[in-house]
């Protein structure tokens, strides 16, 4: 077990850079924090570079440490270091430095895929991933212009679901074209006159669903490429639905595993 006590330590300075998108991209690493997320990562046998535990929390988190032992570096840190690396309002004194892992080969579209076009809010991104996991989707593709999966707020909102299904960053247009070439339906979401109510679509086992930016929706470029575009009829007086809520309704309604 290693110990780091100085906030000026070179390794700590490198870890602090992981709180930025640029730092995460350069190092190909990211930080998760809090007991639940760390437990999920350890249970799912994810690639953990280092488990960081505050020295005064070693006894409290012994069950995690025992499960983790031998899977990577175990490092005790001070309260100051823990606070410096934390993005949460109340830090819990346990963090993990994760190795970024994205594999396009894990997505074969044997089950539904969720494609995200320009989703900006990290809370929405995390909720979308968590809902896709709950709905039994095969994976999530995050398109250009979307918030980074490894944003701390997105990770908290996903609650570890990105460990349960593949989530990748990639160009959506190529995915749409490839799926259509394989005769897999691709549904966009739109409010134009050409769009159909989702109730008119028969649930199926294979399809892709595209949801878009909170303000602008799915780009016209992608909407022109889809099999068809869907909307959710609003019965009350609300003007619109939050993107994560709308996607949740569609994911559970359109997917028929049998």
Protein backbone atom coordinates (compact mmCIF):
# COMPACT_ATOMS: atom_id res chain seq x y z
CA UNK A 1 0.00 0.00 0.00
CA UNK A 2 1.35 3.40 -0.99
CA UNK A 3 0.79 6.66 0.88
CA UNK A 4 0.67 10.18 -0.56
CA UNK A 5 0.47 13.05 1.92
CA UNK A 6 1.31 16.19 -0.07
CA UNK A 7 -1.14 18.00 -2.32
CA UNK A 8 1.93 19.20 -4.25
CA UNK A 9 2.88 15.63 -5.14
CA UNK A 10 3.47 15.24 -8.89
CA UNK A 11 1.01 12.34 -9.13
CA UNK A 12 -1.72 14.37 -7.42
CA UNK A 13 -1.19 17.22 -9.90
CA UNK A 14 -1.64 14.76 -12.77
CA UNK A 15 -4.81 13.37 -11.21
CA UNK A 16 -6.22 16.89 -10.79
CA UNK A 17 -5.97 17.34 -14.56
CA UNK A 18 -8.47 14.48 -14.91
CA UNK A 19 -11.19 16.86 -13.71
CA UNK A 20 -10.95 18.48 -17.18
CA UNK A 21 -11.96 16.98 -20.52
CA UNK A 22 -8.56 17.87 -21.98
CA UNK A 23 -6.71 16.11 -19.17
CA UNK A 24 -8.86 12.99 -19.45
CA UNK A 25 -8.32 12.80 -23.20
CA UNK A 26 -4.55 13.25 -22.90
CA UNK A 27 -4.05 10.69 -20.12
CA UNK A 28 -6.79 8.27 -21.26
CA UNK A 29 -7.96 8.12 -17.65
CA UNK A 30 -10.80 9.50 -15.55
CA UNK A 31 -11.82 9.66 -11.89
CA UNK A 32 -14.85 8.15 -10.21
CA UNK A 33 -15.70 8.98 -6.62
CA UNK A 34 -18.01 7.78 -3.90
CA UNK A 35 -18.60 4.33 -2.44
CA UNK A 36 -21.35 3.22 -4.86
CA UNK A 37 -19.44 4.00 -8.06
CA UNK A 38 -16.20 2.47 -6.78
CA UNK A 39 -18.05 -0.68 -5.66
CA UNK A 40 -19.68 -0.96 -9.10
CA UNK A 41 -16.29 -0.61 -10.83
CA UNK A 42 -14.67 -3.26 -8.62
CA UNK A 43 -17.64 -5.66 -9.01
CA UNK A 44 -17.60 -5.24 -12.79
CA UNK A 45 -13.82 -5.91 -12.86
CA UNK A 46 -13.12 -2.65 -14.64
CA UNK A 47 -9.59 -1.49 -15.42
CA UNK A 48 -8.65 0.50 -12.30
CA UNK A 49 -5.27 2.23 -12.31
CA UNK A 50 -5.40 3.22 -8.64
CA UNK A 51 -7.82 3.03 -5.72
CA UNK A 52 -7.49 6.11 -3.49
CA UNK A 53 -8.76 5.91 0.08
CA UNK A 54 -8.57 8.61 2.71
CA UNK A 55 -6.42 7.37 5.59
CA UNK A 56 -9.19 7.94 8.16
CA UNK A 57 -11.61 5.84 6.03
CA UNK A 58 -9.50 2.68 5.70
CA UNK A 59 -11.51 0.69 8.26
CA UNK A 60 -14.86 1.85 6.86
CA UNK A 61 -13.97 0.74 3.33
CA UNK A 62 -12.17 -2.51 4.20
CA UNK A 63 -14.74 -4.59 2.28
CA UNK A 64 -13.93 -2.71 -0.94
CA UNK A 65 -10.18 -2.87 -0.34
CA UNK A 66 -10.30 -6.65 0.21
CA UNK A 67 -12.23 -7.20 -3.04
CA UNK A 68 -9.92 -4.86 -4.96
CA UNK A 69 -6.60 -6.17 -3.59
CA UNK A 70 -4.16 -7.12 -6.33
CA UNK A 71 -6.20 -5.51 -9.12
CA UNK A 72 -4.20 -2.26 -9.11
CA UNK A 73 -2.43 0.25 -6.89
CA UNK A 74 -3.96 0.93 -3.48
CA UNK A 75 -3.00 4.39 -2.22
CA UNK A 76 -3.93 6.14 1.01
CA UNK A 77 -4.39 9.90 0.72
CA UNK A 78 -5.02 12.80 3.06
CA UNK A 79 -8.27 14.72 3.48
CA UNK A 80 -6.76 17.67 1.56
CA UNK A 81 -5.90 15.51 -1.44
CA UNK A 82 -9.31 13.82 -1.39
CA UNK A 83 -11.04 17.22 -1.39
CA UNK A 84 -8.84 18.50 -4.23
CA UNK A 85 -9.74 15.54 -6.45
CA UNK A 86 -13.44 15.59 -5.59
CA UNK A 87 -16.16 17.24 -7.67
CA UNK A 88 -18.96 16.33 -5.24
CA UNK A 89 -20.53 18.64 -2.65
CA UNK A 90 -19.75 16.11 0.08
CA UNK A 91 -16.77 13.89 -0.69
CA UNK A 92 -16.76 10.37 0.77
CA UNK A 93 -13.02 9.78 0.93
CA UNK A 94 -12.88 7.01 -1.68
CA UNK A 95 -12.00 7.50 -5.36
CA UNK A 96 -10.65 5.44 -8.23
CA UNK A 97 -8.50 6.45 -11.18
CA UNK A 98 -9.93 4.51 -14.12
CA UNK A 99 -8.37 3.60 -17.45
CA UNK A 100 -10.55 4.72 -20.35
CA UNK A 101 -11.91 1.76 -22.27
CA UNK A 102 -14.02 2.12 -25.41
CA UNK A 103 -14.49 -0.73 -27.87
CA UNK A 104 -16.65 -0.35 -30.96
CA UNK A 105 -16.42 -4.11 -31.54
CA UNK A 106 -18.66 -4.69 -28.50
CA UNK A 107 -21.60 -3.09 -30.33
CA UNK A 108 -23.11 -5.53 -32.83
CA UNK A 109 -26.67 -4.08 -32.77
CA UNK A 110 -28.18 -7.45 -31.86
CA UNK A 111 -30.26 -5.47 -29.37
CA UNK A 112 -31.34 -1.80 -29.51
CA UNK A 113 -28.80 1.03 -29.52
CA UNK A 114 -29.24 4.56 -28.17
CA UNK A 115 -27.55 7.29 -30.23
CA UNK A 116 -27.02 10.71 -28.63
CA UNK A 117 -26.75 13.77 -30.86
CA UNK A 118 -25.41 16.87 -29.12
CA UNK A 119 -26.69 16.15 -25.60
CA UNK A 120 -25.11 18.93 -23.53
CA UNK A 121 -26.26 18.46 -19.96
CA UNK A 122 -24.11 15.95 -18.02
CA UNK A 123 -27.05 15.02 -15.78
CA UNK A 124 -29.14 14.17 -18.83
CA UNK A 125 -26.29 12.16 -20.37
CA UNK A 126 -25.87 10.06 -17.25
CA UNK A 127 -29.61 9.50 -16.90
CA UNK A 128 -29.86 8.44 -20.56
CA UNK A 129 -27.10 5.85 -20.07
CA UNK A 130 -28.68 4.58 -16.85
CA UNK A 131 -32.10 4.28 -18.53
CA UNK A 132 -30.62 2.48 -21.56
CA UNK A 133 -29.05 0.02 -19.11
CA UNK A 134 -32.37 -0.47 -17.30
CA UNK A 135 -34.28 -0.92 -20.58
CA UNK A 136 -31.91 -3.68 -21.71
CA UNK A 137 -30.29 -1.79 -24.60
CA UNK A 138 -27.07 -3.17 -26.05
CA UNK A 139 -25.12 0.09 -25.83
CA UNK A 140 -24.92 3.85 -26.28
CA UNK A 141 -23.11 5.87 -28.95
CA UNK A 142 -22.31 9.47 -27.99
CA UNK A 143 -22.05 11.69 -31.05
CA UNK A 144 -19.92 14.77 -31.73
CA UNK A 145 -21.01 17.86 -29.82
CA UNK A 146 -22.24 15.93 -26.78
CA UNK A 147 -20.89 16.30 -23.28
CA UNK A 148 -18.07 13.92 -22.33
CA UNK A 149 -19.15 10.61 -20.75
CA UNK A 150 -16.36 10.97 -18.19
CA UNK A 151 -17.61 14.33 -16.91
CA UNK A 152 -17.93 13.85 -13.11
CA UNK A 153 -21.60 14.92 -13.07
CA UNK A 154 -22.43 12.54 -15.94
CA UNK A 155 -20.72 9.67 -14.10
CA UNK A 156 -22.65 10.39 -10.88
CA UNK A 157 -25.91 10.51 -12.81
CA UNK A 158 -25.17 7.24 -14.66
CA UNK A 159 -24.69 5.53 -11.27
CA UNK A 160 -22.27 2.97 -12.69
CA UNK A 161 -24.41 1.94 -15.67
CA UNK A 162 -21.52 2.71 -18.04
CA UNK A 163 -19.83 -0.35 -16.49
CA UNK A 164 -22.78 -2.56 -17.50
CA UNK A 165 -23.07 -1.77 -21.21
CA UNK A 166 -20.68 -0.42 -23.87
CA UNK A 167 -20.67 3.37 -24.23
CA UNK A 168 -18.55 4.88 -27.00
CA UNK A 169 -17.88 8.27 -28.58
CA UNK A 170 -18.21 8.14 -32.37
CA UNK A 171 -19.65 9.78 -35.49
CA UNK A 172 -23.39 9.11 -35.66
CA UNK A 173 -23.84 9.52 -39.40
CA UNK A 174 -21.67 6.48 -40.09
CA UNK A 175 -23.68 4.45 -37.58
CA UNK A 176 -27.01 5.44 -39.13
CA UNK A 177 -25.83 4.55 -42.63
CA UNK A 178 -24.37 1.21 -41.50
CA UNK A 179 -27.50 0.23 -39.54
CA UNK A 180 -29.79 1.07 -42.44
CA UNK A 181 -27.58 -0.93 -44.82
CA UNK A 182 -28.16 -3.89 -42.49
CA UNK A 183 -31.92 -3.20 -42.59
CA UNK A 184 -32.04 -2.28 -38.91
CA UNK A 185 -34.62 0.49 -38.32
CA UNK A 186 -33.26 3.84 -37.15
CA UNK A 187 -35.77 6.10 -35.39
CA UNK A 188 -35.16 9.81 -34.95
CA UNK A 189 -37.12 12.09 -32.63
CA UNK A 190 -38.74 15.20 -34.08
CA UNK A 191 -41.82 17.43 -33.90
CA UNK A 192 -42.26 18.11 -37.62
CA UNK A 193 -45.33 17.19 -39.71
CA UNK A 194 -43.61 14.12 -41.15
CA UNK A 195 -43.03 12.56 -37.72
CA UNK A 196 -45.23 9.71 -36.46
CA UNK A 197 -46.55 9.01 -32.99
CA UNK A 198 -44.37 6.36 -31.37
CA UNK A 199 -47.60 4.39 -30.77
CA UNK A 200 -47.77 3.69 -34.50
CA UNK A 201 -44.51 1.72 -34.41
CA UNK A 202 -44.53 -1.97 -33.53
CA UNK A 203 -42.07 -2.82 -30.74
CA UNK A 204 -39.10 -4.87 -31.95
CA UNK A 205 -35.85 -6.48 -30.80
CA UNK A 206 -33.46 -4.59 -33.12
CA UNK A 207 -33.43 -0.86 -33.81
CA UNK A 208 -31.55 2.34 -33.03
CA UNK A 209 -33.08 5.40 -31.38
CA UNK A 210 -31.59 8.88 -31.83
CA UNK A 211 -32.30 11.64 -29.31
CA UNK A 212 -30.82 15.09 -29.57
CA UNK A 213 -29.74 18.36 -28.08
CA UNK A 214 -31.89 19.76 -25.25
CA UNK A 215 -32.72 22.95 -27.19
CA UNK A 216 -32.37 22.07 -30.87
CA UNK A 217 -33.20 18.36 -30.93
CA UNK A 218 -31.69 15.95 -33.45
CA UNK A 219 -29.83 17.63 -36.33
CA UNK A 220 -31.62 17.91 -39.68
CA UNK A 221 -28.73 16.05 -41.30
CA UNK A 222 -29.44 12.95 -39.20
CA UNK A 223 -33.24 13.28 -39.37
CA UNK A 224 -33.02 13.05 -43.16
CA UNK A 225 -31.16 9.73 -42.86
CA UNK A 226 -33.51 7.89 -40.47
CA UNK A 227 -36.03 5.16 -41.25
CA UNK A 228 -38.70 7.41 -39.73
CA UNK A 229 -38.98 10.07 -37.04
CA UNK A 230 -41.16 9.77 -33.95
CA UNK A 231 -42.83 12.05 -31.44
CA UNK A 232 -44.61 11.55 -28.10
CA UNK A 233 -48.14 13.03 -28.07
CA UNK A 234 -48.49 15.48 -25.17
CA UNK A 235 -51.98 15.35 -23.65
CA UNK A 236 -51.59 18.06 -21.00
CA UNK A 237 -50.38 21.64 -21.30
CA UNK A 238 -46.63 21.09 -20.94
CA UNK A 239 -44.75 22.45 -23.94
CA UNK A 240 -42.21 19.64 -24.13
CA UNK A 241 -40.50 16.79 -22.28
CA UNK A 242 -36.98 16.60 -20.90
CA UNK A 243 -34.79 14.60 -23.32
CA UNK A 244 -34.02 11.89 -20.76
CA UNK A 245 -37.70 11.47 -19.85
CA UNK A 246 -38.74 11.31 -23.52
CA UNK A 247 -36.00 8.82 -24.33
CA UNK A 248 -37.03 6.64 -21.38
CA UNK A 249 -40.63 6.45 -22.63
CA UNK A 250 -39.45 5.52 -26.12
CA UNK A 251 -36.84 2.98 -25.03
CA UNK A 252 -39.25 0.98 -22.89
CA UNK A 253 -42.12 1.31 -25.40
CA UNK A 254 -40.22 0.37 -28.57
CA UNK A 255 -38.17 -2.57 -27.30
CA UNK A 256 -39.66 -6.05 -27.40
CA UNK A 257 -36.91 -8.52 -26.35
CA UNK A 258 -38.87 -11.54 -27.58
